[in-house]
Protein backbone atom coordinates (compact mmCIF):
# COMPACT_ATOMS: atom_id res chain seq x y z
CA UNK A 1 127.07 129.69 188.67
CA UNK A 2 129.59 129.04 191.42
CA UNK A 3 128.98 126.90 194.49
CA UNK A 4 127.39 128.74 197.40
CA UNK A 5 128.37 128.42 201.06
CA UNK A 6 125.32 126.17 201.55
CA UNK A 7 126.57 123.73 198.90
CA UNK A 8 130.12 123.78 200.28
CA UNK A 9 128.79 123.20 203.81
CA UNK A 10 126.88 120.10 202.64
CA UNK A 11 130.05 118.74 201.03
CA UNK A 12 132.15 119.41 204.14
CA UNK A 13 129.58 117.72 206.42
CA UNK A 14 129.65 114.66 204.17
CA UNK A 15 133.46 114.47 204.16
CA UNK A 16 133.64 114.83 207.94
CA UNK A 17 130.99 112.13 208.40
CA UNK A 18 133.07 109.61 206.40
CA UNK A 19 136.11 110.31 208.57
CA UNK A 20 133.98 109.94 211.72
CA UNK A 21 132.57 106.58 210.53
CA UNK A 22 136.08 105.28 209.86
CA UNK A 23 137.33 106.32 213.30
CA UNK A 24 134.18 105.03 215.07
CA UNK A 25 134.46 101.55 213.50
CA UNK A 26 138.24 101.26 213.81
CA UNK A 27 138.13 99.11 216.96
CA UNK A 28 135.60 96.59 215.62
CA UNK A 29 137.35 96.38 212.26
CA UNK A 30 140.78 95.71 213.75
CA UNK A 31 139.78 92.58 215.71
CA UNK A 32 141.10 90.26 212.98
CA UNK A 33 141.43 89.98 209.18
CA UNK A 34 137.93 88.53 208.86
CA UNK A 35 136.48 91.61 210.56
CA UNK A 36 138.71 94.01 208.61
CA UNK A 37 138.16 92.60 205.11
CA UNK A 38 134.74 90.92 205.50
CA UNK A 39 132.98 92.76 208.33
CA UNK A 40 132.99 89.45 210.21
CA UNK A 41 130.48 88.08 207.63
CA UNK A 42 127.70 89.54 209.77
CA UNK A 43 126.34 92.22 207.42
CA UNK A 44 122.88 91.63 205.86
CA UNK A 45 122.70 91.04 202.10
CA UNK A 46 120.70 94.20 201.35
CA UNK A 47 123.32 96.42 203.02
CA UNK A 48 126.10 94.73 201.07
CA UNK A 49 123.98 95.10 197.92
CA UNK A 50 123.51 98.83 198.54
CA UNK A 51 127.24 99.10 199.24
CA UNK A 52 128.06 97.33 195.99
CA UNK A 53 125.61 99.55 194.09
CA UNK A 54 127.19 102.62 195.65
CA UNK A 55 130.63 101.36 194.65
CA UNK A 56 129.45 101.00 191.05
CA UNK A 57 127.95 104.51 191.04
CA UNK A 58 131.45 105.79 190.36
CA UNK A 59 132.14 109.34 189.29
CA UNK A 60 134.31 108.51 186.25
CA UNK A 61 131.75 106.04 184.94
CA UNK A 62 128.88 108.48 185.54
CA UNK A 63 130.69 111.24 183.62
CA UNK A 64 131.23 108.78 180.78
CA UNK A 65 127.59 107.58 180.81
CA UNK A 66 126.22 111.14 180.73
CA UNK A 67 128.37 111.89 177.68
CA UNK A 68 127.13 108.65 176.06
CA UNK A 69 123.46 109.46 176.72
CA UNK A 70 123.96 113.00 175.38
CA UNK A 71 125.54 111.75 172.15
CA UNK A 72 123.82 108.40 171.47
CA UNK A 73 120.48 108.84 173.22
CA UNK A 74 118.56 105.62 173.85
CA UNK A 75 121.19 103.64 171.96
CA UNK A 76 123.57 104.40 174.83
CA UNK A 77 121.79 101.73 176.93
CA UNK A 78 123.81 99.07 175.06
CA UNK A 79 127.30 100.60 175.39
CA UNK A 80 127.75 99.68 179.12
CA UNK A 81 127.74 96.05 177.99
CA UNK A 82 131.46 96.82 177.59
CA UNK A 83 131.89 96.32 181.35
CA UNK A 84 129.80 94.03 180.94
CA UNK A 85 127.02 95.31 183.23
CA UNK A 86 125.12 92.03 182.94
CA UNK A 87 127.85 90.19 184.83
CA UNK A 88 125.66 90.92 187.87
CA UNK A 89 122.98 88.71 186.29
CA UNK A 90 125.33 85.70 186.01
CA UNK A 91 126.40 86.31 189.61
CA UNK A 92 122.80 86.55 190.77
CA UNK A 93 121.65 83.39 189.00
CA UNK A 94 124.40 80.95 189.98
CA UNK A 95 127.99 82.21 190.29
CA UNK A 96 127.60 84.05 193.62
CA UNK A 97 126.31 80.85 195.23
CA UNK A 98 129.18 78.82 193.80
CA UNK A 99 131.76 81.36 194.96
CA UNK A 100 130.32 81.84 198.46
CA UNK A 101 130.19 78.05 199.13
CA UNK A 102 133.99 78.13 199.36
CA UNK A 103 133.79 80.20 202.60
CA UNK A 104 137.19 81.83 201.96
CA UNK A 105 138.54 85.36 202.45
CA UNK A 106 139.77 86.30 198.94
CA UNK A 107 139.62 85.14 195.34
CA UNK A 108 143.24 84.01 195.52
CA UNK A 109 142.45 81.90 198.57
CA UNK A 110 139.51 80.43 196.64
CA UNK A 111 141.99 79.19 194.04
CA UNK A 112 143.43 76.81 196.64
CA UNK A 113 140.07 75.03 196.92
CA UNK A 114 140.25 74.37 193.15
CA UNK A 115 143.95 73.69 192.52
CA UNK A 116 145.36 72.80 195.95
CA UNK A 117 148.78 73.60 197.40
CA UNK A 118 151.05 71.87 194.89
CA UNK A 119 153.28 73.67 192.42
CA UNK A 120 150.39 74.33 190.04
CA UNK A 121 148.21 75.56 192.88
CA UNK A 122 150.90 77.94 194.14
CA UNK A 123 151.53 79.29 190.65
CA UNK A 124 147.82 79.85 190.02
CA UNK A 125 147.47 81.47 193.45
CA UNK A 126 150.32 83.88 192.70
CA UNK A 127 149.00 84.86 189.25
CA UNK A 128 145.60 85.73 190.74
CA UNK A 129 147.30 87.99 193.27
CA UNK A 130 149.28 89.67 190.47
CA UNK A 131 146.11 90.13 188.39
CA UNK A 132 144.22 91.51 191.40
CA UNK A 133 146.93 94.07 192.15
CA UNK A 134 147.21 95.20 188.50
CA UNK A 135 143.42 95.56 188.20
CA UNK A 136 143.24 97.46 191.50
CA UNK A 137 145.94 99.86 190.31
CA UNK A 138 144.09 100.32 187.00
CA UNK A 139 140.76 101.07 188.68
CA UNK A 140 142.34 103.43 191.18
CA UNK A 141 144.05 105.33 188.34
CA UNK A 142 140.71 105.43 186.49
CA UNK A 143 138.99 106.95 189.54
CA UNK A 144 141.86 109.38 190.14
CA UNK A 145 141.49 110.80 186.62
CA UNK A 146 137.73 111.21 186.97
CA UNK A 147 137.71 112.98 190.35
CA UNK A 148 140.35 115.48 189.29
CA UNK A 149 138.55 116.46 186.08
CA UNK A 150 135.25 116.66 187.97
CA UNK A 151 136.34 118.92 190.84
CA UNK A 152 138.29 121.29 188.54
CA UNK A 153 135.00 122.40 186.97
CA UNK A 154 133.65 123.51 190.35
CA UNK A 155 136.83 125.00 191.77
CA UNK A 156 138.94 126.28 188.84
CA UNK A 157 142.58 127.21 189.10
CA UNK A 158 141.86 130.95 189.27
CA UNK A 159 139.87 130.42 192.48
CA UNK A 160 142.55 128.57 194.42
CA UNK A 161 145.73 130.11 193.00
CA UNK A 162 145.85 133.00 195.55
CA UNK A 163 145.36 130.54 198.43
CA UNK A 164 148.15 128.13 197.52
CA UNK A 165 151.55 128.49 199.24
CA UNK A 166 153.21 127.09 196.11
CA UNK A 167 152.90 127.52 192.35
CA UNK A 168 151.45 124.80 190.13
CA UNK A 169 150.55 124.83 186.47
CA UNK A 170 146.83 124.95 185.58
CA UNK A 171 147.23 121.50 183.97
CA UNK A 172 148.24 120.07 187.36
CA UNK A 173 145.14 121.29 189.22
CA UNK A 174 143.02 118.14 188.60
CA UNK A 175 145.90 116.01 189.88
CA UNK A 176 146.06 118.06 193.07
CA UNK A 177 142.34 117.51 193.65
CA UNK A 178 142.72 113.82 192.88
CA UNK A 179 145.45 113.48 195.52
CA UNK A 180 143.40 115.36 198.11
CA UNK A 181 140.23 113.27 197.79
CA UNK A 182 142.01 109.94 197.39
CA UNK A 183 143.79 110.70 200.66
CA UNK A 184 140.48 111.14 202.51
CA UNK A 185 139.06 107.91 201.06
CA UNK A 186 142.24 106.03 201.89
CA UNK A 187 142.06 107.22 205.49
CA UNK A 188 138.56 105.99 206.25
CA UNK A 189 139.02 102.63 204.55
CA UNK A 190 142.30 102.12 206.43
CA UNK A 191 140.61 102.85 209.74
CA UNK A 192 137.33 100.95 209.37
CA UNK A 193 137.91 98.29 206.70
CA UNK A 194 134.82 96.61 205.22
CA UNK A 195 132.53 97.83 208.03
CA UNK A 196 133.49 101.43 207.35
CA UNK A 197 133.02 100.95 203.61
CA UNK A 198 129.53 99.45 203.92
CA UNK A 199 128.16 101.98 206.43
CA UNK A 200 129.66 104.89 204.48
CA UNK A 201 128.26 103.46 201.24
CA UNK A 202 124.74 103.33 202.68
CA UNK A 203 125.05 107.02 203.60
CA UNK A 204 126.45 107.79 200.17
CA UNK A 205 123.73 105.93 198.30
CA UNK A 206 121.04 107.77 200.26
CA UNK A 207 122.60 111.11 199.28
CA UNK A 208 122.86 110.01 195.62
CA UNK A 209 119.24 108.86 195.52
CA UNK A 210 117.91 112.24 196.71
CA UNK A 211 120.20 114.12 194.30
CA UNK A 212 119.44 111.85 191.32
CA UNK A 213 115.65 112.07 191.70
CA UNK A 214 115.90 115.86 192.07
CA UNK A 215 117.85 116.27 188.81
CA UNK A 216 115.51 113.98 186.87
CA UNK A 217 112.49 115.98 188.04
CA UNK A 218 114.21 119.31 187.25
CA UNK A 219 114.82 118.07 183.68
CA UNK A 220 111.22 116.90 183.27
CA UNK A 221 109.87 120.26 184.48
CA UNK A 222 112.21 122.45 182.42
CA UNK A 223 112.43 120.57 179.10
CA UNK A 224 109.44 119.84 176.86
CA UNK A 225 109.30 116.97 174.39
CA UNK A 226 109.18 119.48 171.51
CA UNK A 227 112.37 121.19 172.73
CA UNK A 228 114.18 117.86 173.04
CA UNK A 229 112.97 116.65 169.64
CA UNK A 230 114.18 119.88 168.01
CA UNK A 231 117.65 119.52 169.54
CA UNK A 232 118.28 115.81 168.77
CA UNK A 233 118.77 113.97 165.46
CA UNK A 234 116.32 111.43 164.10
CA UNK A 235 116.68 108.08 165.89
CA UNK A 236 118.12 109.56 169.09
CA UNK A 237 115.11 108.41 171.19
CA UNK A 238 115.00 104.93 169.61
CA UNK A 239 117.02 102.19 171.38
CA UNK A 240 117.06 99.95 168.31
CA UNK A 241 119.54 100.25 165.46
CA UNK A 242 120.58 98.99 162.06
CA UNK A 243 123.97 98.01 160.67
CA UNK A 244 125.29 101.53 161.13
CA UNK A 245 124.58 103.99 163.92
CA UNK A 246 123.12 106.66 161.57
CA UNK A 247 122.89 109.51 164.06
CA UNK A 248 123.58 112.76 162.21
CA UNK A 249 124.24 115.75 164.49
CA UNK A 250 125.64 117.94 161.69
CA UNK A 251 122.66 120.32 161.61
CA UNK A 252 122.45 120.65 165.41
CA UNK A 253 125.86 120.26 167.11
CA UNK A 254 128.43 119.36 164.41
CA UNK A 255 131.15 118.57 166.94
CA UNK A 256 129.19 115.51 168.10
CA UNK A 257 129.72 113.76 164.75
CA UNK A 258 133.48 114.06 165.22
CA UNK A 259 133.11 112.51 168.68
CA UNK A 260 131.11 109.56 167.26
CA UNK A 261 133.85 108.99 164.68
CA UNK A 262 136.62 109.12 167.30
CA UNK A 263 134.69 106.73 169.59
CA UNK A 264 134.59 104.16 166.80
CA UNK A 265 130.93 103.19 167.32
CA UNK A 266 129.69 103.96 163.77
CA UNK A 267 129.40 100.27 162.78
CA UNK A 268 127.09 99.78 165.74
CA UNK A 269 125.86 96.25 165.03
CA UNK A 270 129.41 94.86 164.89
CA UNK A 271 130.27 96.83 168.03
CA UNK A 272 127.27 95.43 169.97
CA UNK A 273 127.92 91.87 168.73
CA UNK A 274 131.53 92.12 169.93
CA UNK A 275 130.38 93.48 173.31
CA UNK A 276 127.81 90.69 173.71
CA UNK A 277 130.30 87.99 172.72
CA UNK A 278 132.93 89.29 175.12
CA UNK A 279 130.37 90.10 177.80
CA UNK A 280 128.86 86.61 177.97
CA UNK A 281 132.30 85.00 178.22
CA UNK A 282 133.56 87.53 180.78
CA UNK A 283 130.40 87.09 182.86
CA UNK A 284 130.61 83.30 182.74
CA UNK A 285 134.17 83.59 184.12
CA UNK A 286 132.83 85.04 187.37
CA UNK A 287 133.87 88.20 189.19
CA UNK A 288 137.38 89.53 188.87
CA UNK A 289 139.32 89.61 192.16
CA UNK A 290 138.14 93.07 193.21
CA UNK A 291 135.62 94.66 195.58
CA UNK A 292 132.67 92.88 193.89
CA UNK A 293 134.16 89.50 194.79
CA UNK A 294 134.94 90.70 198.32
CA UNK A 295 131.31 91.74 198.87
CA UNK A 296 130.09 88.31 197.72
CA UNK A 297 132.48 86.52 200.06
CA UNK A 298 131.37 88.83 202.91
CA UNK A 299 127.73 87.65 202.81
CA UNK A 300 126.33 85.30 205.46
CA UNK A 301 125.45 82.42 203.10
CA UNK A 302 125.38 81.40 199.40
CA UNK A 303 121.66 82.20 199.21
CA UNK A 304 122.27 85.71 200.57
CA UNK A 305 125.17 86.14 198.11
CA UNK A 306 122.75 85.53 195.22
CA UNK A 307 120.20 87.97 196.65
CA UNK A 308 122.90 90.59 197.16
CA UNK A 309 124.07 90.36 193.53
CA UNK A 310 120.49 90.60 192.25
CA UNK A 311 119.71 93.58 194.46
CA UNK A 312 122.63 95.57 193.02
CA UNK A 313 120.92 96.08 189.64
CA UNK A 314 117.53 96.84 191.21
CA UNK A 315 119.05 99.50 193.49
CA UNK A 316 121.55 101.00 191.05
CA UNK A 317 120.10 101.14 187.54
CA UNK A 318 116.84 103.14 187.97
CA UNK A 319 118.38 105.78 190.26
CA UNK A 320 121.59 106.20 188.28
CA UNK A 321 119.93 106.42 184.87
CA UNK A 322 117.20 108.78 186.08
CA UNK A 323 119.98 111.22 186.93
CA UNK A 324 121.99 110.49 183.78
CA UNK A 325 118.95 111.11 181.60
CA UNK A 326 118.14 114.31 183.50
CA UNK A 327 121.59 115.78 183.00
CA UNK A 328 121.75 114.66 179.36
CA UNK A 329 118.39 116.21 178.47
CA UNK A 330 119.25 119.52 180.17
CA UNK A 331 122.69 119.57 178.53
CA UNK A 332 121.27 118.94 175.05
CA UNK A 333 118.60 121.65 175.18
CA UNK A 334 120.85 124.21 176.86
CA UNK A 335 124.09 123.10 175.20
CA UNK A 336 125.24 126.63 174.35
CA UNK A 337 125.26 127.55 178.04
CA UNK A 338 127.72 124.79 179.01
CA UNK A 339 131.47 125.27 179.23
CA UNK A 340 132.95 122.11 177.73
CA UNK A 341 136.25 123.55 176.55
CA UNK A 342 139.32 122.14 178.31
CA UNK A 343 142.76 123.18 177.12
CA UNK A 344 141.26 124.55 173.90
CA UNK A 345 139.52 121.24 173.11
CA UNK A 346 135.89 120.18 173.42
CA UNK A 347 135.63 117.53 176.15
CA UNK A 348 132.27 115.75 176.34
CA UNK A 349 133.28 114.07 179.60
CA UNK A 350 132.80 117.50 181.22
CA UNK A 351 129.05 117.54 180.48
CA UNK A 352 128.17 116.23 183.95
CA UNK A 353 130.06 118.77 186.11
CA UNK A 354 129.20 121.65 183.76
CA UNK A 355 125.51 120.72 183.89
CA UNK A 356 125.55 120.61 187.70
CA UNK A 357 126.95 124.14 187.82
CA UNK A 358 124.45 125.36 185.25
CA UNK A 359 121.21 123.68 186.25
CA UNK A 360 121.30 122.42 189.87
CA UNK A 361 119.70 124.86 192.35
CA UNK A 362 121.34 125.84 195.64
CA UNK A 363 121.37 122.91 198.05
CA UNK A 364 120.75 120.35 195.30
CA UNK A 365 124.15 121.26 193.80
CA UNK A 366 125.74 120.59 197.18
CA UNK A 367 123.90 117.27 197.50
CA UNK A 368 124.93 116.27 193.98
CA UNK A 369 128.52 117.22 194.54
CA UNK A 370 128.55 115.39 197.89
CA UNK A 371 126.81 112.41 196.28
CA UNK A 372 129.18 112.18 193.34
CA UNK A 373 132.15 112.64 195.62
CA UNK A 374 130.58 109.87 197.69
CA UNK A 375 130.29 107.71 194.58
CA UNK A 376 133.95 108.27 193.79
CA UNK A 377 135.07 107.60 197.34
CA UNK A 378 132.87 104.51 197.61
CA UNK A 379 134.41 102.95 194.50
CA UNK A 380 137.89 104.06 195.48
CA UNK A 381 137.57 102.81 199.07
CA UNK A 382 136.18 99.41 198.05
CA UNK A 383 139.00 99.00 195.53
CA UNK A 384 141.62 100.04 198.07
CA UNK A 385 140.20 97.47 200.50
CA UNK A 386 140.66 94.71 197.92
CA UNK A 387 144.42 95.24 197.52
CA UNK A 388 145.56 94.50 201.10
CA UNK A 389 143.11 91.59 201.23
CA UNK A 390 145.26 89.92 198.58
CA UNK A 391 148.73 91.17 199.44
CA UNK A 392 148.44 90.77 203.23
CA UNK A 393 146.30 87.64 203.47
CA UNK A 394 147.62 85.81 200.40
CA UNK A 395 151.27 86.87 200.33
CA UNK A 396 152.45 88.32 203.65
CA UNK A 397 150.51 85.99 205.95
CA UNK A 398 150.95 82.88 203.84
CA UNK A 399 154.57 83.15 202.72
CA UNK A 400 156.37 85.83 204.75
CA UNK A 401 155.02 85.86 208.31
CA UNK A 402 152.49 83.04 208.96
CA UNK A 403 152.56 83.69 212.72
CA UNK A 404 151.92 87.43 212.51
CA UNK A 405 149.60 88.88 215.15
CA UNK A 406 146.30 90.51 214.20
CA UNK A 407 147.78 93.90 215.06
CA UNK A 408 150.73 93.38 212.73
CA UNK A 409 148.46 92.16 209.93
CA UNK A 410 146.21 95.21 210.26
CA UNK A 411 149.24 97.52 210.24
CA UNK A 412 150.53 95.73 207.13
CA UNK A 413 147.12 96.39 205.55
CA UNK A 414 147.51 100.09 206.30
CA UNK A 415 150.91 100.12 204.59
CA UNK A 416 149.62 98.27 201.51
CA UNK A 417 146.63 100.63 201.21
CA UNK A 418 148.91 103.67 201.17
CA UNK A 419 151.32 101.97 198.75
CA UNK A 420 148.74 101.08 196.09
CA UNK A 421 147.19 104.56 196.28
CA UNK A 422 150.58 106.22 195.73
CA UNK A 423 151.43 103.94 192.78
CA UNK A 424 147.99 104.34 191.15
CA UNK A 425 148.27 108.13 191.55
CA UNK A 426 151.59 108.10 189.69
CA UNK A 427 149.94 106.04 186.91
CA UNK A 428 147.00 108.48 186.80
CA UNK A 429 149.37 111.41 186.24
CA UNK A 430 150.27 109.96 182.83
CA UNK A 431 146.74 109.11 181.61
CA UNK A 432 144.58 111.66 179.80
CA UNK A 433 141.29 109.93 178.90
CA UNK A 434 138.82 108.15 181.17
CA UNK A 435 137.63 106.10 178.20
CA UNK A 436 141.15 104.88 177.32
CA UNK A 437 141.63 103.43 180.82
CA UNK A 438 138.13 101.97 180.78
CA UNK A 439 138.69 100.20 177.47
CA UNK A 440 142.02 98.77 178.56
CA UNK A 441 140.53 97.49 181.81
CA UNK A 442 137.34 95.91 180.47
CA UNK A 443 138.49 94.74 177.04
CA UNK A 444 142.19 94.17 177.56
CA UNK A 445 142.95 93.21 181.15
CA UNK A 446 139.66 91.38 181.77
CA UNK A 447 139.94 89.85 178.31
CA UNK A 448 143.09 88.11 179.48
CA UNK A 449 141.25 86.91 182.58
CA UNK A 450 138.37 85.24 180.75
CA UNK A 451 139.52 81.86 179.42
CA UNK A 452 141.30 80.53 182.51
CA UNK A 453 138.44 81.57 184.73
CA UNK A 454 135.73 80.08 182.53
CA UNK A 455 137.52 76.75 182.44
CA UNK A 456 138.16 76.68 186.21
CA UNK A 457 134.38 76.48 186.80
CA UNK A 458 133.27 74.23 183.97
CA UNK A 459 136.13 71.90 182.91
CA UNK A 460 137.62 69.37 185.29
CA UNK A 461 140.86 68.84 183.32
CA UNK A 462 142.14 72.41 183.78
CA UNK A 463 144.89 72.11 186.39
CA UNK A 464 146.93 74.71 188.29
CA UNK A 465 149.62 74.87 185.61
CA UNK A 466 147.05 75.36 182.86
CA UNK A 467 145.35 78.10 184.84
CA UNK A 468 148.69 79.85 185.47
CA UNK A 469 149.87 79.74 181.84
CA UNK A 470 146.46 80.81 180.54
CA UNK A 471 146.37 83.78 182.92
CA UNK A 472 149.99 84.65 182.16
CA UNK A 473 149.30 84.60 178.42
CA UNK A 474 146.23 86.77 178.96
CA UNK A 475 148.12 89.31 181.07
CA UNK A 476 150.99 89.53 178.58
CA UNK A 477 148.55 89.89 175.69
CA UNK A 478 146.51 92.56 177.50
CA UNK A 479 149.65 94.60 178.14
CA UNK A 480 151.37 94.13 174.76
CA UNK A 481 148.67 93.70 172.07
CA UNK A 482 147.45 97.34 172.17
CA UNK A 483 151.07 98.45 171.66
CA UNK A 484 151.87 95.88 168.95
CA UNK A 485 148.70 96.51 166.93
CA UNK A 486 148.54 100.28 167.42
CA UNK A 487 148.35 101.75 163.91
CA UNK A 488 147.81 98.37 162.21
CA UNK A 489 144.05 98.99 162.04
CA UNK A 490 143.76 102.72 161.21
CA UNK A 491 139.96 102.56 160.83
CA UNK A 492 139.48 101.39 164.44
CA UNK A 493 139.64 104.04 167.17
CA UNK A 494 142.58 103.39 169.48
CA UNK A 495 140.33 103.57 172.58
CA UNK A 496 138.25 100.58 171.45
CA UNK A 497 141.08 98.62 169.79
CA UNK A 498 141.28 96.28 172.84
CA UNK A 499 137.65 95.21 172.19
CA UNK A 500 138.47 94.17 168.62
CA UNK A 501 141.63 92.41 169.77
CA UNK A 502 139.61 90.39 172.29
CA UNK A 503 139.21 87.26 170.05
CA UNK A 504 142.99 87.14 169.49
CA UNK A 505 143.58 87.52 173.22
CA UNK A 506 141.07 84.72 173.79
CA UNK A 507 142.94 82.32 171.49
CA UNK A 508 146.30 83.29 172.97
CA UNK A 509 145.07 82.58 176.49
CA UNK A 510 143.29 79.35 175.46
CA UNK A 511 146.53 77.95 174.04
CA UNK A 512 148.23 78.64 177.38
CA UNK A 513 145.43 76.88 179.30
CA UNK A 514 145.32 73.75 177.15
CA UNK A 515 149.09 73.40 176.71
CA UNK A 516 149.73 73.97 180.41
CA UNK A 517 147.07 71.43 181.42
CA UNK A 518 148.00 68.60 179.04
CA UNK A 519 151.77 68.96 179.42
CA UNK A 520 151.50 68.50 183.19
CA UNK A 521 149.79 65.81 185.34
CA UNK A 522 146.13 65.87 186.29
CA UNK A 523 145.40 67.51 189.64
CA UNK A 524 144.80 65.22 192.61
CA UNK A 525 141.42 63.56 192.00
CA UNK A 526 140.46 63.70 195.67
CA UNK A 527 140.96 67.48 195.58
CA UNK A 528 138.74 67.70 192.49
CA UNK A 529 136.08 65.53 194.13
CA UNK A 530 136.06 67.72 197.24
CA UNK A 531 135.73 70.84 195.11
CA UNK A 532 132.96 69.34 192.98
CA UNK A 533 130.92 68.20 195.99
CA UNK A 534 131.33 71.49 197.85
CA UNK A 535 130.80 74.00 195.02
CA UNK A 536 128.37 71.86 192.94
CA UNK A 537 129.02 73.42 189.50
CA UNK A 538 127.56 72.15 186.25
CA UNK A 539 129.77 71.70 183.18
CA UNK A 540 132.25 69.12 181.91
CA UNK A 541 132.95 67.22 185.12
CA UNK A 542 132.15 63.67 183.94
CA UNK A 543 135.16 61.71 185.33
CA UNK A 544 135.01 63.56 188.66
CA UNK A 545 131.25 63.12 188.93
CA UNK A 546 131.54 59.35 188.42
CA UNK A 547 134.08 59.06 191.24
CA UNK A 548 131.90 61.17 193.55
CA UNK A 549 128.84 59.03 192.76
CA UNK A 550 130.82 55.85 193.43
CA UNK A 551 131.79 57.09 196.89
CA UNK A 552 128.40 58.68 197.60
CA UNK A 553 125.48 57.02 195.77
CA UNK A 554 123.09 59.64 197.18
CA UNK A 555 124.97 62.52 195.54
CA UNK A 556 122.92 64.37 192.89
CA UNK A 557 124.83 66.36 190.24
CA UNK A 558 123.72 69.90 189.48
CA UNK A 559 120.98 69.51 186.81
CA UNK A 560 120.14 73.20 186.47
CA UNK A 561 122.17 74.38 183.44
CA UNK A 562 119.09 75.01 181.25
CA UNK A 563 117.20 76.70 184.08
CA UNK A 564 120.19 78.92 184.89
CA UNK A 565 120.62 79.97 181.25
CA UNK A 566 116.90 80.78 181.02
CA UNK A 567 117.20 82.89 184.17
CA UNK A 568 120.28 84.65 182.76
CA UNK A 569 118.28 85.60 179.66
CA UNK A 570 115.39 86.88 181.81
CA UNK A 571 117.86 88.75 184.02
CA UNK A 572 119.57 90.55 181.11
CA UNK A 573 116.15 91.58 179.74
CA UNK A 574 115.03 92.84 183.16
CA UNK A 575 118.29 94.71 183.78
CA UNK A 576 118.12 96.40 180.35
CA UNK A 577 114.54 97.48 181.14
CA UNK A 578 115.75 98.96 184.45
CA UNK A 579 118.22 101.05 182.41
CA UNK A 580 115.79 102.10 179.67
CA UNK A 581 112.70 102.83 181.81
CA UNK A 582 114.05 105.86 183.75
CA UNK A 583 115.34 107.42 180.51
CA UNK A 584 111.93 107.00 178.86
CA UNK A 585 110.34 108.61 181.92
CA UNK A 586 112.64 111.64 181.79
CA UNK A 587 112.19 112.17 178.01
CA UNK A 588 108.41 111.65 178.52
CA UNK A 589 108.04 108.84 175.99
CA UNK A 590 104.92 107.34 177.59
CA UNK A 591 104.25 104.62 175.02
CA UNK A 592 107.80 103.23 175.09
CA UNK A 593 107.90 103.55 178.88
CA UNK A 594 104.70 101.51 179.32
CA UNK A 595 105.95 98.81 176.95
CA UNK A 596 109.28 98.66 178.85
CA UNK A 597 107.40 98.42 182.14
CA UNK A 598 105.32 95.52 180.80
CA UNK A 599 108.44 93.65 179.65
CA UNK A 600 110.04 94.30 183.05
CA UNK A 601 106.98 92.92 184.86
CA UNK A 602 106.90 89.73 182.76
CA UNK A 603 110.65 89.06 183.14
CA UNK A 604 110.45 89.90 186.88
CA UNK A 605 107.62 87.38 187.33
CA UNK A 606 109.71 84.74 185.56
CA UNK A 607 112.71 85.45 187.80
CA UNK A 608 110.54 85.22 190.91
CA UNK A 609 109.28 81.78 189.87
CA UNK A 610 112.38 80.22 188.32
CA UNK A 611 115.20 81.95 190.25
CA UNK A 612 114.16 83.40 193.61
CA UNK A 613 111.82 80.56 194.61
CA UNK A 614 114.52 77.97 193.78
CA UNK A 615 117.45 79.54 195.70
CA UNK A 616 119.32 77.22 198.03
CA UNK A 617 122.59 77.26 199.94
């Protein structure tokens, strides 16, 4: 099935509406940097939460998750711990409040509240900017790959070749689409800044919700439990697992077994243990300096920051996974009708676009395409917005032109936005697999981020030099380890090698932190006292706490470590239920669905009592 004029009209209306929103909000956004990057800190928490959820509903990730659900069934609910998805739980419970209390504009600016303006503070500030820019480029390249592969399914080369005034190879078609849609997203974020992003995201999330519910219902109506059972291996509908994955597709779709082997997930228990270990540490480090951090800093208060982070999972997980399950179920039962061959090779990442063409009725296909384009553009726009926030506010304004007018700063932001998009596009031209970029980002680059950023919250003795050398060691390790160890472990798939190298990266970065901290003087104690009183973290702050208590006998240290960890556990359980429940609904597993709903209700009640009712600024 090809797209009809109705579907194409829906897509065009959506694209024009994003451009209109950007132009309409241009004046308000360009008042100053606070308005441009933070929306003036006037937006309500639920709108920022919807915006964040929309930004995480990215097209590349959704293509990847549909392929996971198709192949691994209910066991696929654990694989997104790679991100880790439960970082939103840590943010919700305590880290969003801690971060928002700083009242700064960017994560790099936040570093000054912790390490000051001395040599160590300046070094740590610079390394955060470098990390932010590298991660932004990585995520933009990741999105660029996904959008190109996605659109090519709907508008193949044969369709556009007669209309082009120039010749391009069929292999270059996805890159052309990537450039076209990244240009539109770049335009509206340049014009409207954070305000444009949030209002466009709310529109986008509304479109995605309608489309997602429609696809889930279509799957439930058209696929019976007997059909699904006949087309899936034993254990596919069971979220629990043993030492090995033990999903045998050889009698149904033999090619899937080869995909499982290439993914490297066969030893599933080890894989999940590694994800959980890395995920807890990465989550405890707080948000990376990207759009997630910018949305937290844009809230009105610490209490609203916590609510916003909690609302993201509630808004995103049920809707997204209802659609993912719908597409996966349809694709499994009607697998022979899908066109998954790309360049003579079977590409499971094409399940999502192929299933839309095959199963979505007229109108719904247009909504889905508009919604998934919206998801891509939301993620892309939010990421683009993060780059100038760091380069303009933290480099240009601070070091190059401190007296720059608002107009000049906004124009500099435009230039930076265009620059990072061009560079990330060039990177995307040389990357073939969505999963390879994903693994490098979440296991490699963020792995190098973890140690320094855990210690900055919980250990008073980490100084600016220690933070800098720990981050530098992590960045170097993230860039070089996959190259150095490529081929050393032949039994580990290259895409997930960064996950298995994570412990080594952790040690490498820890050595940098400790050596840098103990070989240089302690940071100014008054600076540490100010930070401790303002942010109110728990952790190893004994010497600083004693000084604060001497100066202020009424000061009460944060006593809530045990309560926060209990809430984190409840939050991870609740979030996992929000992922599993819509899949159980679509596959019509009533018993498992009711049990999941009961667990969700109990954990939700606990969070209401021990988290929500105890929130404070």
